[in-house]
Amino acid sequence: MWNKDKSLILSRILTVAAAMAAIIVAFFIPAIAEWYEYEMSVEANSFFDRSSMFIPMCITLYVCDALALAALWNLNILLRNISKDEVFIKKNTNCLRKISWICMGVGAVMMIFGLWSSIFIFFGMCALMFGLIMRVLKNVFEKAVEIKSENDFTI
């Protein structure tokens, strides 16, 4: 029977799997950048010369990969706290805050790389929107922590 504990375990397993995938992808970033530069060399929608995008793309992908690992680390901390029944605590709010800023950082990095390849502007906007959603979720958690704290002092 599926329950909240199994769902939490699955979330933690998927978080670790995503982190392992991000680490593995880091080894293939130069090959990915070279392939993308070759395949997309005919695209006309770029501000800079497309023949010089290998290094900027490698930098973008490495920065985004590192930021993804940081977000997954914070997500793992959040899930670990939830598994210990510590839901509405300040540490979880801090994790959500960090994740939101990380998402916005990824969005900014991708928007800058959009100068070489315009499709990355779309991905950057998606990351910025996700960061904004995480920020709203952080604000809700922050308010819940405050209410819980007030209720704990009332008893």
Protein backbone atom coordinates (compact mmCIF):
# COMPACT_ATOMS: atom_id res chain seq x y z
CA MET A 1 0.00 0.00 0.00
CA TRP A 2 1.33 3.42 -0.99
CA ASN A 3 1.65 5.91 1.86
CA LYS A 4 3.39 9.17 2.75
CA ASP A 5 6.48 7.40 4.10
CA LYS A 6 7.02 5.51 0.85
CA SER A 7 6.48 8.72 -1.10
CA LEU A 8 9.10 10.46 1.01
CA ILE A 9 11.55 7.60 0.48
CA LEU A 10 10.94 7.75 -3.27
CA SER A 11 11.55 11.51 -3.24
CA ARG A 12 14.85 11.04 -1.41
CA ILE A 13 15.93 8.28 -3.83
CA LEU A 14 15.06 10.45 -6.84
CA THR A 15 16.97 13.36 -5.33
CA VAL A 16 20.09 11.22 -4.93
CA ALA A 17 19.63 9.81 -8.46
CA ALA A 18 19.35 13.33 -9.88
CA ALA A 19 22.53 14.35 -8.04
CA MET A 20 24.38 11.33 -9.45
CA ALA A 21 23.10 12.20 -12.93
CA ALA A 22 24.32 15.78 -12.52
CA ILE A 23 27.76 14.53 -11.50
CA ILE A 24 27.91 12.17 -14.49
CA VAL A 25 26.75 14.90 -16.89
CA ALA A 26 29.60 17.13 -15.67
CA PHE A 27 32.08 14.75 -17.30
CA PHE A 28 30.32 15.07 -20.68
CA ILE A 29 29.80 18.84 -20.78
CA PRO A 30 32.59 19.51 -23.33
CA ALA A 31 31.17 16.84 -25.66
CA ILE A 32 27.65 18.23 -25.23
CA ALA A 33 28.86 21.78 -25.97
CA GLU A 34 30.78 20.62 -29.03
CA TRP A 35 27.78 18.70 -30.35
CA TYR A 36 25.42 21.63 -29.74
CA GLU A 37 27.78 24.09 -31.43
CA TYR A 38 28.01 21.81 -34.47
CA GLU A 39 24.28 21.04 -34.70
CA MET A 40 23.07 24.58 -34.16
CA SER A 41 25.68 26.43 -36.21
CA VAL A 42 23.05 27.55 -38.75
CA GLU A 43 20.77 29.31 -36.24
CA ALA A 44 20.55 33.01 -37.04
CA ASN A 45 18.98 34.22 -33.78
CA SER A 46 22.08 35.07 -31.78
CA PHE A 47 23.78 38.25 -30.66
CA PHE A 48 27.31 36.83 -30.70
CA ASP A 49 29.10 34.70 -33.28
CA ARG A 50 27.87 31.11 -33.03
CA SER A 51 31.28 29.70 -33.95
CA SER A 52 32.68 30.95 -30.63
CA MET A 53 30.04 29.51 -28.33
CA PHE A 54 31.93 26.42 -27.11
CA ILE A 55 33.60 28.05 -24.11
CA PRO A 56 30.56 30.13 -23.04
CA MET A 57 28.37 27.04 -23.26
CA CYS A 58 30.82 24.96 -21.21
CA ILE A 59 30.93 27.69 -18.56
CA THR A 60 27.13 27.95 -18.57
CA LEU A 61 26.65 24.21 -18.23
CA TYR A 62 29.27 23.84 -15.48
CA VAL A 63 27.76 26.72 -13.49
CA CYS A 64 24.24 25.35 -13.95
CA ASP A 65 25.40 21.85 -13.00
CA ALA A 66 27.04 23.15 -9.81
CA LEU A 67 23.93 25.16 -8.96
CA ALA A 68 21.76 22.08 -9.59
CA LEU A 69 23.90 20.09 -7.17
CA ALA A 70 23.53 22.85 -4.57
CA ALA A 71 19.75 22.86 -5.04
CA LEU A 72 19.61 19.07 -4.75
CA TRP A 73 21.71 19.21 -1.57
CA ASN A 74 19.22 21.67 -0.04
CA LEU A 75 16.32 19.55 -1.22
CA ASN A 76 17.90 16.52 0.43
CA ILE A 77 18.22 18.45 3.71
CA LEU A 78 14.57 19.49 3.42
CA LEU A 79 13.42 15.92 2.78
CA ARG A 80 15.56 14.60 5.64
CA ASN A 81 13.96 17.10 8.03
CA ILE A 82 10.49 16.16 6.83
CA SER A 83 11.29 12.46 7.36
CA LYS A 84 12.12 13.34 10.99
CA ASP A 85 8.69 15.07 11.28
CA GLU A 86 10.35 18.47 11.43
CA VAL A 87 8.26 20.26 8.83
CA PHE A 88 7.62 23.82 9.93
CA ILE A 89 11.07 24.81 11.14
CA LYS A 90 13.36 27.67 10.22
CA LYS A 91 15.94 25.33 8.65
CA ASN A 92 13.37 24.21 6.03
CA THR A 93 12.54 27.83 5.26
CA ASN A 94 16.25 28.49 4.73
CA CYS A 95 16.48 25.49 2.38
CA LEU A 96 13.55 26.79 0.32
CA ARG A 97 15.11 30.28 0.26
CA LYS A 98 18.41 28.87 -1.04
CA ILE A 99 16.65 26.75 -3.66
CA SER A 100 14.70 29.78 -4.89
CA TRP A 101 17.87 31.88 -5.23
CA ILE A 102 19.67 29.00 -6.93
CA CYS A 103 16.84 28.71 -9.49
CA MET A 104 16.99 32.43 -10.14
CA GLY A 105 20.77 32.16 -10.55
CA VAL A 106 20.34 29.39 -13.10
CA GLY A 107 17.79 31.55 -14.91
CA ALA A 108 20.19 34.50 -15.02
CA VAL A 109 23.06 32.33 -16.31
CA MET A 110 20.85 30.84 -19.03
CA MET A 111 19.53 34.26 -20.03
CA ILE A 112 23.11 35.46 -20.48
CA PHE A 113 23.90 32.39 -22.61
CA GLY A 114 20.80 33.28 -24.61
CA LEU A 115 23.05 35.85 -26.33
CA TRP A 116 24.65 32.89 -28.14
CA SER A 117 21.62 30.64 -28.50
CA SER A 118 18.16 32.15 -28.22
CA ILE A 119 16.44 28.97 -26.99
CA PHE A 120 18.26 29.41 -23.67
CA ILE A 121 16.30 32.61 -23.05
CA PHE A 122 13.19 30.43 -22.82
CA PHE A 123 14.88 28.01 -20.41
CA GLY A 124 16.17 30.95 -18.38
CA MET A 125 12.65 32.36 -18.09
CA CYS A 126 11.37 28.94 -16.96
CA ALA A 127 14.07 28.78 -14.27
CA LEU A 128 13.26 32.32 -13.14
CA MET A 129 9.56 31.44 -12.89
CA PHE A 130 10.36 28.31 -10.90
CA GLY A 131 12.54 30.42 -8.60
CA LEU A 132 9.64 32.81 -8.11
CA ILE A 133 7.28 29.93 -7.29
CA MET A 134 9.81 28.57 -4.79
CA ARG A 135 10.05 32.05 -3.27
CA VAL A 136 6.28 32.15 -2.75
CA LEU A 137 6.39 28.66 -1.23
CA LYS A 138 9.19 29.83 1.07
CA ASN A 139 7.02 32.76 2.19
CA VAL A 140 4.14 30.38 2.98
CA PHE A 141 6.49 28.13 4.97
CA GLU A 142 7.91 31.14 6.79
CA LYS A 143 4.43 32.21 7.85
CA ALA A 144 3.60 28.65 8.94
CA VAL A 145 6.78 28.55 11.05
CA GLU A 146 5.74 31.81 12.69
CA ILE A 147 2.21 30.54 13.42
CA LYS A 148 3.58 27.25 14.79
CA SER A 149 6.00 29.13 17.01
CA GLU A 150 3.17 31.28 18.39
CA ASN A 151 1.04 28.19 19.00
CA ASP A 152 3.90 26.45 20.80
CA PHE A 153 4.26 29.41 23.19
CA THR A 154 0.50 29.53 23.80
CA ILE A 155 0.50 26.12 25.50
